[in-house]
Amino acid sequence: MNAPFPASCTAFDGFRLIASGSFLDVALATKRAIDAGAPGPVMIFDDRTSRQVEIDFRGTPDDVKARLQPASAEPVPRGPGRPKLGVVAREVTLLPRHWDWLSSQPGGASATIRRLVDEARRGNSNGESSRQASEAVDRFMQAIAGDLRGFEEASRAFWRGERDGFHTLIDHWPSDVRNHLKNLASSAWDTAEERT
């Protein structure tokens, strides 16, 4: 498995809900739907981000499942750093004055950068969560409902926070799409309200 898969996701066959839940359960339910002749398009969405998840559905359900399971743990050659802690070495480019300041901080440059990143994440966690939740609504709407009547108006109502207007505008949309979208939108609005 090259990329981490989402903890939970939701799959659609066109506008019809196939399954929602754990990644592996949804993947196997989607494989069954495809094998049964789902007309598609079949789309699987990460429940947190609404990014589409690509899965290779070739072969049997066991073949699909095997591709989605993590590969057996092979020993990884140890290099510098702290691999047991999940430390990843990457390049950071800074101006000389930044390096001078970092070198004067207790614990050195790496410890200072980690501390600054953690502080920034804590200070902006609600804002970041709100932004991500709103982007998930937008991403899902564009992917599955972009051609539906009232899409533009519904999108504007969502971004303005007009819950009643938004619900009215999507009320005629296919029920599975509408229900999933209402859940995403409510989560995004609730997260935004927690910031205030």
N, C-alpha and C. Protein backbone atom coordinates (compact mmCIF):
# COMPACT_ATOMS: atom_id res chain seq x y z
N MET A 1 0.86 -1.16 0.00
CA MET A 1 0.00 0.00 0.00
C MET A 1 0.90 1.22 0.00
N ASN A 2 0.90 1.99 -1.07
CA ASN A 2 1.80 3.13 -1.20
C ASN A 2 1.32 4.34 -0.45
N ALA A 3 0.05 4.65 -0.51
CA ALA A 3 -0.47 5.83 0.14
C ALA A 3 -1.44 5.40 1.23
N PRO A 4 -1.51 6.15 2.33
CA PRO A 4 -2.46 5.77 3.37
C PRO A 4 -3.89 5.99 2.87
N PHE A 5 -4.74 5.05 3.18
CA PHE A 5 -6.13 5.16 2.78
C PHE A 5 -6.91 5.80 3.93
N PRO A 6 -8.06 6.41 3.62
CA PRO A 6 -8.84 7.06 4.67
C PRO A 6 -9.41 6.05 5.67
N ALA A 7 -9.66 6.52 6.87
CA ALA A 7 -10.25 5.66 7.89
C ALA A 7 -11.68 5.29 7.51
N SER A 8 -12.41 6.26 6.98
CA SER A 8 -13.78 6.00 6.56
C SER A 8 -14.05 6.73 5.25
N CYS A 9 -14.97 6.17 4.49
CA CYS A 9 -15.28 6.78 3.20
C CYS A 9 -16.70 6.41 2.79
N THR A 10 -17.13 7.01 1.68
CA THR A 10 -18.48 6.80 1.16
C THR A 10 -18.38 6.62 -0.35
N ALA A 11 -19.08 5.61 -0.86
CA ALA A 11 -19.03 5.30 -2.29
C ALA A 11 -20.40 5.52 -2.92
N PHE A 12 -20.36 6.05 -4.14
CA PHE A 12 -21.58 6.29 -4.92
C PHE A 12 -21.46 5.63 -6.28
N ASP A 13 -22.59 5.12 -6.76
CA ASP A 13 -22.75 4.67 -8.14
C ASP A 13 -23.66 5.71 -8.77
N GLY A 14 -23.06 6.66 -9.48
CA GLY A 14 -23.83 7.80 -9.95
C GLY A 14 -24.30 8.57 -8.73
N PHE A 15 -25.64 8.70 -8.59
CA PHE A 15 -26.20 9.40 -7.44
C PHE A 15 -26.67 8.45 -6.34
N ARG A 16 -26.45 7.16 -6.53
CA ARG A 16 -26.93 6.15 -5.56
C ARG A 16 -25.81 5.77 -4.61
N LEU A 17 -26.10 5.79 -3.32
CA LEU A 17 -25.13 5.39 -2.30
C LEU A 17 -24.89 3.89 -2.40
N ILE A 18 -23.62 3.52 -2.48
CA ILE A 18 -23.25 2.10 -2.45
C ILE A 18 -23.03 1.68 -1.01
N ALA A 19 -22.15 2.41 -0.32
CA ALA A 19 -21.82 2.07 1.07
C ALA A 19 -21.10 3.23 1.71
N SER A 20 -21.14 3.24 3.04
CA SER A 20 -20.42 4.24 3.82
C SER A 20 -19.90 3.54 5.06
N GLY A 21 -18.64 3.80 5.40
CA GLY A 21 -18.07 3.15 6.59
C GLY A 21 -16.57 3.02 6.47
N SER A 22 -16.03 1.93 7.02
CA SER A 22 -14.58 1.74 6.99
C SER A 22 -14.12 1.56 5.55
N PHE A 23 -12.89 1.96 5.31
CA PHE A 23 -12.36 1.95 3.95
C PHE A 23 -12.46 0.57 3.30
N LEU A 24 -12.01 -0.47 4.00
CA LEU A 24 -12.00 -1.81 3.41
C LEU A 24 -13.42 -2.30 3.14
N ASP A 25 -14.35 -2.07 4.07
CA ASP A 25 -15.73 -2.49 3.86
C ASP A 25 -16.36 -1.79 2.65
N VAL A 26 -16.09 -0.49 2.52
CA VAL A 26 -16.64 0.26 1.40
C VAL A 26 -16.00 -0.20 0.08
N ALA A 27 -14.70 -0.45 0.11
CA ALA A 27 -14.02 -0.92 -1.11
C ALA A 27 -14.60 -2.24 -1.58
N LEU A 28 -14.83 -3.17 -0.66
CA LEU A 28 -15.38 -4.47 -1.05
C LEU A 28 -16.84 -4.36 -1.50
N ALA A 29 -17.62 -3.51 -0.86
CA ALA A 29 -19.01 -3.29 -1.29
C ALA A 29 -19.03 -2.68 -2.69
N THR A 30 -18.09 -1.78 -2.96
CA THR A 30 -18.00 -1.16 -4.27
C THR A 30 -17.60 -2.18 -5.32
N LYS A 31 -16.68 -3.07 -4.98
CA LYS A 31 -16.28 -4.14 -5.90
C LYS A 31 -17.49 -5.01 -6.24
N ARG A 32 -18.30 -5.34 -5.23
CA ARG A 32 -19.50 -6.15 -5.50
C ARG A 32 -20.46 -5.40 -6.42
N ALA A 33 -20.63 -4.09 -6.19
CA ALA A 33 -21.53 -3.30 -7.03
C ALA A 33 -21.03 -3.25 -8.47
N ILE A 34 -19.73 -3.08 -8.65
CA ILE A 34 -19.16 -3.05 -10.00
C ILE A 34 -19.36 -4.40 -10.68
N ASP A 35 -19.09 -5.48 -9.95
CA ASP A 35 -19.26 -6.82 -10.52
C ASP A 35 -20.72 -7.11 -10.85
N ALA A 36 -21.65 -6.47 -10.14
CA ALA A 36 -23.08 -6.66 -10.40
C ALA A 36 -23.58 -5.76 -11.53
N GLY A 37 -22.69 -4.95 -12.09
CA GLY A 37 -23.06 -4.13 -13.24
C GLY A 37 -23.42 -2.69 -12.94
N ALA A 38 -22.86 -2.13 -11.88
CA ALA A 38 -23.13 -0.72 -11.56
C ALA A 38 -22.81 0.15 -12.77
N PRO A 39 -23.78 0.96 -13.23
CA PRO A 39 -23.55 1.75 -14.44
C PRO A 39 -22.56 2.90 -14.25
N GLY A 40 -22.41 3.37 -13.02
CA GLY A 40 -21.42 4.41 -12.74
C GLY A 40 -21.88 5.79 -13.16
N PRO A 41 -21.03 6.75 -13.03
CA PRO A 41 -19.66 6.57 -12.59
C PRO A 41 -19.61 6.21 -11.11
N VAL A 42 -18.66 5.33 -10.77
CA VAL A 42 -18.46 4.92 -9.39
C VAL A 42 -17.40 5.84 -8.80
N MET A 43 -17.74 6.47 -7.68
CA MET A 43 -16.81 7.38 -7.01
C MET A 43 -16.78 7.06 -5.53
N ILE A 44 -15.58 7.05 -4.97
CA ILE A 44 -15.40 6.83 -3.53
C ILE A 44 -14.78 8.09 -2.96
N PHE A 45 -15.38 8.60 -1.89
CA PHE A 45 -14.93 9.84 -1.27
C PHE A 45 -14.42 9.59 0.15
N ASP A 46 -13.29 10.19 0.47
CA ASP A 46 -12.78 10.22 1.84
C ASP A 46 -13.80 11.03 2.65
N ASP A 47 -14.29 10.48 3.75
CA ASP A 47 -15.33 11.17 4.53
C ASP A 47 -14.84 12.47 5.16
N ARG A 48 -13.55 12.58 5.43
CA ARG A 48 -13.03 13.78 6.08
C ARG A 48 -12.77 14.90 5.09
N THR A 49 -12.22 14.56 3.92
CA THR A 49 -11.79 15.59 2.96
C THR A 49 -12.65 15.65 1.70
N SER A 50 -13.42 14.63 1.44
CA SER A 50 -14.18 14.46 0.19
C SER A 50 -13.27 14.33 -1.03
N ARG A 51 -12.01 14.04 -0.81
CA ARG A 51 -11.13 13.74 -1.95
C ARG A 51 -11.52 12.35 -2.46
N GLN A 52 -11.45 12.19 -3.79
CA GLN A 52 -11.79 10.90 -4.35
C GLN A 52 -10.64 9.92 -4.12
N VAL A 53 -11.01 8.69 -3.81
CA VAL A 53 -10.05 7.63 -3.55
C VAL A 53 -10.04 6.70 -4.74
N GLU A 54 -8.87 6.45 -5.27
CA GLU A 54 -8.73 5.56 -6.42
C GLU A 54 -8.37 4.15 -5.94
N ILE A 55 -9.07 3.17 -6.46
CA ILE A 55 -8.83 1.76 -6.09
C ILE A 55 -8.76 0.94 -7.37
N ASP A 56 -7.84 0.02 -7.40
CA ASP A 56 -7.72 -0.91 -8.52
C ASP A 56 -8.68 -2.07 -8.25
N PHE A 57 -9.79 -2.14 -9.01
CA PHE A 57 -10.81 -3.15 -8.79
C PHE A 57 -10.63 -4.39 -9.68
N ARG A 58 -9.49 -4.51 -10.34
CA ARG A 58 -9.29 -5.69 -11.20
C ARG A 58 -9.20 -6.97 -10.36
N GLY A 59 -9.66 -8.05 -10.94
CA GLY A 59 -9.56 -9.35 -10.30
C GLY A 59 -10.73 -9.64 -9.38
N THR A 60 -10.49 -10.59 -8.48
CA THR A 60 -11.53 -11.03 -7.54
C THR A 60 -11.56 -10.10 -6.34
N PRO A 61 -12.61 -10.22 -5.52
CA PRO A 61 -12.62 -9.44 -4.28
C PRO A 61 -11.39 -9.70 -3.40
N ASP A 62 -10.91 -10.96 -3.40
CA ASP A 62 -9.70 -11.26 -2.62
C ASP A 62 -8.48 -10.56 -3.20
N ASP A 63 -8.42 -10.43 -4.54
CA ASP A 63 -7.31 -9.69 -5.17
C ASP A 63 -7.34 -8.23 -4.74
N VAL A 64 -8.54 -7.64 -4.77
CA VAL A 64 -8.69 -6.23 -4.37
C VAL A 64 -8.28 -6.07 -2.92
N LYS A 65 -8.78 -6.96 -2.08
CA LYS A 65 -8.47 -6.89 -0.64
C LYS A 65 -6.97 -7.01 -0.41
N ALA A 66 -6.32 -7.92 -1.11
CA ALA A 66 -4.87 -8.11 -0.94
C ALA A 66 -4.11 -6.84 -1.30
N ARG A 67 -4.56 -6.16 -2.35
CA ARG A 67 -3.86 -4.91 -2.75
C ARG A 67 -4.06 -3.79 -1.73
N LEU A 68 -5.15 -3.87 -0.97
CA LEU A 68 -5.45 -2.81 -0.02
C LEU A 68 -4.87 -3.06 1.37
N GLN A 69 -4.38 -4.27 1.60
CA GLN A 69 -3.77 -4.58 2.89
C GLN A 69 -2.34 -4.07 2.91
N PRO A 70 -1.86 -3.62 4.07
CA PRO A 70 -0.47 -3.19 4.15
C PRO A 70 0.46 -4.36 3.85
N ALA A 71 1.53 -4.07 3.14
CA ALA A 71 2.52 -5.10 2.83
C ALA A 71 3.16 -5.57 4.13
N SER A 72 3.62 -6.81 4.12
CA SER A 72 4.27 -7.32 5.33
C SER A 72 5.46 -6.44 5.67
N ALA A 73 5.64 -6.24 6.93
CA ALA A 73 6.69 -5.34 7.39
C ALA A 73 8.06 -5.93 7.11
N GLU A 74 8.78 -5.31 6.21
CA GLU A 74 10.15 -5.71 5.93
C GLU A 74 11.06 -4.78 6.68
N PRO A 75 12.20 -5.30 7.16
CA PRO A 75 13.09 -4.41 7.89
C PRO A 75 13.56 -3.26 7.01
N VAL A 76 13.49 -2.08 7.57
CA VAL A 76 13.92 -0.89 6.85
C VAL A 76 15.31 -0.53 7.32
N PRO A 77 16.23 -0.29 6.38
CA PRO A 77 17.57 0.07 6.82
C PRO A 77 17.52 1.34 7.66
N ARG A 78 18.26 1.32 8.75
CA ARG A 78 18.26 2.47 9.65
C ARG A 78 19.29 3.47 9.19
N GLY A 79 18.85 4.70 9.16
CA GLY A 79 19.73 5.80 8.80
C GLY A 79 19.80 6.79 9.94
N PRO A 80 20.25 7.98 9.66
CA PRO A 80 20.32 8.98 10.72
C PRO A 80 18.92 9.40 11.15
N GLY A 81 18.82 9.95 12.33
CA GLY A 81 17.54 10.43 12.83
C GLY A 81 16.94 9.47 13.83
N ARG A 82 15.65 9.60 14.02
CA ARG A 82 14.93 8.79 15.00
C ARG A 82 13.75 8.11 14.31
N PRO A 83 14.01 7.06 13.52
CA PRO A 83 12.93 6.44 12.77
C PRO A 83 11.83 5.85 13.64
N LYS A 84 12.15 5.41 14.86
CA LYS A 84 11.11 4.85 15.72
C LYS A 84 10.09 5.90 16.13
N LEU A 85 10.51 7.16 16.12
CA LEU A 85 9.60 8.25 16.48
C LEU A 85 8.86 8.81 15.26
N GLY A 86 9.18 8.30 14.08
CA GLY A 86 8.53 8.79 12.87
C GLY A 86 9.17 10.04 12.31
N VAL A 87 10.40 10.32 12.72
CA VAL A 87 11.10 11.51 12.24
C VAL A 87 11.46 11.32 10.77
N VAL A 88 11.14 12.33 9.97
CA VAL A 88 11.44 12.29 8.54
C VAL A 88 12.34 13.47 8.21
N ALA A 89 13.48 13.19 7.58
CA ALA A 89 14.40 14.26 7.20
C ALA A 89 13.99 14.83 5.85
N ARG A 90 13.86 16.16 5.80
CA ARG A 90 13.57 16.86 4.55
C ARG A 90 14.35 18.15 4.54
N GLU A 91 14.45 18.73 3.38
CA GLU A 91 15.21 19.97 3.23
C GLU A 91 14.38 21.17 3.65
N VAL A 92 15.03 22.10 4.36
CA VAL A 92 14.42 23.37 4.72
C VAL A 92 15.36 24.46 4.24
N THR A 93 14.83 25.41 3.49
CA THR A 93 15.65 26.50 2.98
C THR A 93 15.28 27.78 3.70
N LEU A 94 16.27 28.38 4.37
CA LEU A 94 16.06 29.60 5.12
C LEU A 94 17.15 30.60 4.78
N LEU A 95 16.89 31.84 5.09
CA LEU A 95 17.89 32.89 4.92
C LEU A 95 18.91 32.80 6.05
N PRO A 96 20.12 33.35 5.87
CA PRO A 96 21.13 33.29 6.93
C PRO A 96 20.65 33.83 8.27
N ARG A 97 19.87 34.91 8.26
CA ARG A 97 19.40 35.47 9.54
C ARG A 97 18.48 34.50 10.27
N HIS A 98 17.72 33.69 9.51
CA HIS A 98 16.86 32.68 10.12
C HIS A 98 17.70 31.59 10.77
N TRP A 99 18.72 31.14 10.05
CA TRP A 99 19.61 30.12 10.61
C TRP A 99 20.33 30.65 11.85
N ASP A 100 20.74 31.92 11.83
CA ASP A 100 21.41 32.52 12.99
C ASP A 100 20.48 32.51 14.20
N TRP A 101 19.23 32.91 13.97
CA TRP A 101 18.28 32.94 15.07
C TRP A 101 18.02 31.52 15.60
N LEU A 102 17.80 30.56 14.68
CA LEU A 102 17.53 29.19 15.09
C LEU A 102 18.69 28.60 15.89
N SER A 103 19.91 28.88 15.47
CA SER A 103 21.06 28.30 16.17
C SER A 103 21.22 28.88 17.57
N SER A 104 20.64 30.04 17.84
CA SER A 104 20.76 30.64 19.17
C SER A 104 19.67 30.15 20.12
N GLN A 105 18.71 29.36 19.62
CA GLN A 105 17.60 28.89 20.44
C GLN A 105 17.98 27.62 21.20
N PRO A 106 17.43 27.45 22.41
CA PRO A 106 17.72 26.22 23.16
C PRO A 106 17.21 24.99 22.42
N GLY A 107 18.02 23.97 22.38
CA GLY A 107 17.62 22.72 21.73
C GLY A 107 18.01 22.65 20.27
N GLY A 108 18.47 23.74 19.68
CA GLY A 108 18.91 23.72 18.30
C GLY A 108 17.79 23.98 17.31
N ALA A 109 18.17 23.98 16.05
CA ALA A 109 17.24 24.34 14.97
C ALA A 109 16.06 23.38 14.86
N SER A 110 16.32 22.07 14.87
CA SER A 110 15.23 21.11 14.69
C SER A 110 14.20 21.20 15.80
N ALA A 111 14.67 21.25 17.04
CA ALA A 111 13.74 21.33 18.17
C ALA A 111 12.93 22.62 18.12
N THR A 112 13.57 23.73 17.74
CA THR A 112 12.87 25.01 17.67
C THR A 112 11.82 24.99 16.57
N ILE A 113 12.16 24.46 15.42
CA ILE A 113 11.19 24.38 14.31
C ILE A 113 10.00 23.50 14.70
N ARG A 114 10.28 22.35 15.33
CA ARG A 114 9.18 21.48 15.77
C ARG A 114 8.27 22.21 16.76
N ARG A 115 8.87 22.94 17.71
CA ARG A 115 8.11 23.68 18.70
C ARG A 115 7.25 24.77 18.03
N LEU A 116 7.83 25.49 17.06
CA LEU A 116 7.08 26.55 16.36
C LEU A 116 5.92 25.97 15.56
N VAL A 117 6.15 24.85 14.91
CA VAL A 117 5.08 24.21 14.13
C VAL A 117 3.96 23.73 15.05
N ASP A 118 4.32 23.11 16.17
CA ASP A 118 3.30 22.65 17.12
C ASP A 118 2.48 23.81 17.67
N GLU A 119 3.13 24.92 18.01
CA GLU A 119 2.42 26.10 18.51
C GLU A 119 1.47 26.66 17.45
N ALA A 120 1.94 26.71 16.22
CA ALA A 120 1.09 27.23 15.14
C ALA A 120 -0.12 26.31 14.91
N ARG A 121 0.12 25.01 14.98
CA ARG A 121 -0.99 24.07 14.78
C ARG A 121 -2.02 24.19 15.89
N ARG A 122 -1.56 24.32 17.13
CA ARG A 122 -2.49 24.47 18.25
C ARG A 122 -3.26 25.78 18.15
N GLY A 123 -2.58 26.84 17.78
CA GLY A 123 -3.22 28.15 17.71
C GLY A 123 -4.22 28.28 16.60
N ASN A 124 -4.10 27.49 15.56
CA ASN A 124 -4.98 27.62 14.40
C ASN A 124 -5.78 26.36 14.14
N SER A 125 -5.88 25.47 15.13
CA SER A 125 -6.52 24.18 14.87
C SER A 125 -7.99 24.33 14.50
N ASN A 126 -8.73 25.23 15.17
CA ASN A 126 -10.14 25.41 14.83
C ASN A 126 -10.31 26.02 13.44
N GLY A 127 -9.50 27.01 13.12
CA GLY A 127 -9.58 27.64 11.80
C GLY A 127 -9.25 26.67 10.69
N GLU A 128 -8.24 25.85 10.92
CA GLU A 128 -7.84 24.85 9.92
C GLU A 128 -8.93 23.80 9.76
N SER A 129 -9.50 23.34 10.86
CA SER A 129 -10.58 22.34 10.79
C SER A 129 -11.78 22.89 10.04
N SER A 130 -12.12 24.14 10.31
CA SER A 130 -13.26 24.76 9.64
C SER A 130 -13.01 24.88 8.14
N ARG A 131 -11.83 25.31 7.78
CA ARG A 131 -11.49 25.44 6.36
C ARG A 131 -11.56 24.09 5.66
N GLN A 132 -10.98 23.06 6.28
CA GLN A 132 -10.98 21.74 5.68
C GLN A 132 -12.39 21.17 5.53
N ALA A 133 -13.22 21.39 6.54
CA ALA A 133 -14.61 20.90 6.46
C ALA A 133 -15.38 21.60 5.35
N SER A 134 -15.18 22.91 5.21
CA SER A 134 -15.86 23.65 4.13
C SER A 134 -15.36 23.22 2.76
N GLU A 135 -14.06 23.00 2.64
CA GLU A 135 -13.51 22.53 1.37
C GLU A 135 -14.03 21.14 1.02
N ALA A 136 -14.27 20.30 2.03
CA ALA A 136 -14.82 18.97 1.77
C ALA A 136 -16.21 19.06 1.17
N VAL A 137 -17.03 19.99 1.67
CA VAL A 137 -18.37 20.19 1.11
C VAL A 137 -18.26 20.63 -0.34
N ASP A 138 -17.42 21.62 -0.58
CA ASP A 138 -17.24 22.16 -1.92
C ASP A 138 -16.73 21.09 -2.89
N ARG A 139 -15.77 20.30 -2.44
CA ARG A 139 -15.17 19.26 -3.29
C ARG A 139 -16.21 18.21 -3.66
N PHE A 140 -17.02 17.78 -2.68
CA PHE A 140 -18.05 16.77 -2.95
C PHE A 140 -19.10 17.32 -3.89
N MET A 141 -19.56 18.55 -3.63
CA MET A 141 -20.58 19.15 -4.48
C MET A 141 -20.12 19.25 -5.93
N GLN A 142 -18.89 19.70 -6.14
CA GLN A 142 -18.39 19.85 -7.50
C GLN A 142 -18.26 18.50 -8.20
N ALA A 143 -17.80 17.49 -7.46
CA ALA A 143 -17.58 16.18 -8.08
C ALA A 143 -18.86 15.47 -8.47
N ILE A 144 -19.87 15.55 -7.62
CA ILE A 144 -21.05 14.73 -7.86
C ILE A 144 -22.28 15.52 -8.27
N ALA A 145 -22.34 16.80 -7.89
CA ALA A 145 -23.57 17.56 -8.11
C ALA A 145 -23.36 18.78 -9.01
N GLY A 146 -22.21 18.91 -9.61
CA GLY A 146 -21.90 20.09 -10.40
C GLY A 146 -22.85 20.34 -11.56
N ASP A 147 -23.51 19.30 -12.06
CA ASP A 147 -24.43 19.46 -13.18
C ASP A 147 -25.90 19.47 -12.75
N LEU A 148 -26.14 19.39 -11.45
CA LEU A 148 -27.53 19.37 -10.98
C LEU A 148 -28.11 20.78 -10.96
N ARG A 149 -29.42 20.85 -11.16
CA ARG A 149 -30.12 22.14 -11.15
C ARG A 149 -29.97 22.81 -9.79
N GLY A 150 -29.58 24.06 -9.80
CA GLY A 150 -29.44 24.82 -8.56
C GLY A 150 -28.08 24.71 -7.92
N PHE A 151 -27.13 24.07 -8.61
CA PHE A 151 -25.80 23.87 -8.02
C PHE A 151 -25.14 25.19 -7.60
N GLU A 152 -25.10 26.15 -8.52
CA GLU A 152 -24.42 27.42 -8.23
C GLU A 152 -25.08 28.14 -7.05
N GLU A 153 -26.40 28.19 -7.04
CA GLU A 153 -27.11 28.86 -5.97
C GLU A 153 -26.88 28.15 -4.63
N ALA A 154 -26.90 26.81 -4.67
CA ALA A 154 -26.67 26.04 -3.45
C ALA A 154 -25.25 26.26 -2.93
N SER A 155 -24.30 26.32 -3.84
CA SER A 155 -22.91 26.56 -3.43
C SER A 155 -22.78 27.92 -2.75
N ARG A 156 -23.39 28.94 -3.35
CA ARG A 156 -23.33 30.28 -2.74
C ARG A 156 -24.02 30.29 -1.37
N ALA A 157 -25.17 29.61 -1.27
CA ALA A 157 -25.89 29.56 0.02
C ALA A 157 -25.03 28.86 1.07
N PHE A 158 -24.34 27.79 0.67
CA PHE A 158 -23.47 27.11 1.63
C PHE A 158 -22.40 28.05 2.16
N TRP A 159 -21.69 28.71 1.26
CA TRP A 159 -20.58 29.58 1.67
C TRP A 159 -21.06 30.78 2.48
N ARG A 160 -22.31 31.20 2.27
CA ARG A 160 -22.85 32.30 3.07
C ARG A 160 -23.39 31.82 4.41
N GLY A 161 -23.44 30.51 4.60
CA GLY A 161 -23.94 29.96 5.86
C GLY A 161 -25.45 29.98 5.98
N GLU A 162 -26.15 30.01 4.85
CA GLU A 162 -27.62 30.06 4.85
C GLU A 162 -28.16 28.63 4.85
N ARG A 163 -28.29 28.08 6.03
CA ARG A 163 -28.67 26.67 6.16
C ARG A 163 -30.03 26.38 5.51
N ASP A 164 -31.03 27.17 5.87
CA ASP A 164 -32.37 26.90 5.34
C ASP A 164 -32.40 27.04 3.82
N GLY A 165 -31.79 28.09 3.31
CA GLY A 165 -31.74 28.29 1.87
C GLY A 165 -30.99 27.17 1.16
N PHE A 166 -29.90 26.74 1.75
CA PHE A 166 -29.11 25.64 1.19
C PHE A 166 -29.95 24.37 1.12
N HIS A 167 -30.62 24.04 2.24
CA HIS A 167 -31.44 22.83 2.26
C HIS A 167 -32.58 22.90 1.25
N THR A 168 -33.18 24.06 1.10
CA THR A 168 -34.26 24.23 0.13
C THR A 168 -33.74 24.02 -1.29
N LEU A 169 -32.55 24.56 -1.58
CA LEU A 169 -31.99 24.48 -2.94
C LEU A 169 -31.59 23.06 -3.33
N ILE A 170 -31.20 22.24 -2.35
CA ILE A 170 -30.78 20.88 -2.69
C ILE A 170 -31.89 19.86 -2.43
N ASP A 171 -33.05 20.32 -2.01
CA ASP A 171 -34.13 19.41 -1.63
C ASP A 171 -34.59 18.52 -2.78
N HIS A 172 -34.46 18.97 -4.01
CA HIS A 172 -34.91 18.16 -5.16
C HIS A 172 -33.79 17.26 -5.70
N TRP A 173 -32.60 17.33 -5.13
CA TRP A 173 -31.48 16.50 -5.59
C TRP A 173 -31.70 15.05 -5.16
N PRO A 174 -31.03 14.11 -5.82
CA PRO A 174 -31.19 12.69 -5.43
C PRO A 174 -30.93 12.51 -3.93
N SER A 175 -31.77 11.70 -3.29
CA SER A 175 -31.77 11.62 -1.82
C SER A 175 -30.42 11.23 -1.22
N ASP A 176 -29.72 10.26 -1.82
CA ASP A 176 -28.44 9.84 -1.24
C ASP A 176 -27.41 10.97 -1.29
N VAL A 177 -27.39 11.69 -2.38
CA VAL A 177 -26.47 12.83 -2.52
C VAL A 177 -26.86 13.92 -1.54
N ARG A 178 -28.13 14.22 -1.49
CA ARG A 178 -28.64 15.27 -0.60
C ARG A 178 -28.32 14.96 0.86
N ASN A 179 -28.56 13.71 1.29
CA ASN A 179 -28.32 13.35 2.69
C ASN A 179 -26.84 13.43 3.06
N HIS A 180 -25.98 12.94 2.17
CA HIS A 180 -24.54 13.01 2.44
C HIS A 180 -24.08 14.46 2.49
N LEU A 181 -24.58 15.25 1.58
CA LEU A 181 -24.20 16.66 1.52
C LEU A 181 -24.69 17.43 2.75
N LYS A 182 -25.89 17.13 3.21
CA LYS A 182 -26.39 17.79 4.41
C LYS A 182 -25.52 17.47 5.62
N ASN A 183 -25.07 16.22 5.73
CA ASN A 183 -24.18 15.84 6.84
C ASN A 183 -22.85 16.59 6.75
N LEU A 184 -22.27 16.65 5.56
CA LEU A 184 -21.01 17.36 5.39
C LEU A 184 -21.17 18.85 5.72
N ALA A 185 -22.25 19.45 5.21
CA ALA A 185 -22.47 20.88 5.42
C ALA A 185 -22.71 21.19 6.89
N SER A 186 -23.50 20.37 7.57
CA SER A 186 -23.76 20.60 8.99
C SER A 186 -22.47 20.53 9.79
N SER A 187 -21.64 19.57 9.47
CA SER A 187 -20.35 19.45 10.15
C SER A 187 -19.49 20.68 9.92
N ALA A 188 -19.47 21.17 8.68
CA ALA A 188 -18.66 22.35 8.36
C ALA A 188 -19.19 23.58 9.09
N TRP A 189 -20.50 23.79 9.09
CA TRP A 189 -21.07 24.95 9.78
C TRP A 189 -20.84 24.87 11.28
N ASP A 190 -21.02 23.66 11.86
CA ASP A 190 -20.82 23.49 13.30
C ASP A 190 -19.36 23.78 13.68
N THR A 191 -18.43 23.32 12.85
CA THR A 191 -17.01 23.57 13.12
C THR A 191 -16.72 25.05 13.04
N ALA A 192 -17.31 25.73 12.07
CA ALA A 192 -17.09 27.19 11.93
C ALA A 192 -17.67 27.94 13.14
N GLU A 193 -18.82 27.49 13.64
CA GLU A 193 -19.43 28.15 14.80
C GLU A 193 -18.62 27.95 16.06
N GLU A 194 -17.89 26.84 16.17
CA GLU A 194 -17.05 26.59 17.33
C GLU A 194 -15.91 27.61 17.41
N ARG A 195 -15.52 28.17 16.27
CA ARG A 195 -14.44 29.14 16.25
C ARG A 195 -14.87 30.46 16.88
N THR A 196 -16.17 30.78 16.76
CA THR A 196 -16.64 32.10 17.21
C THR A 196 -17.02 32.11 18.67
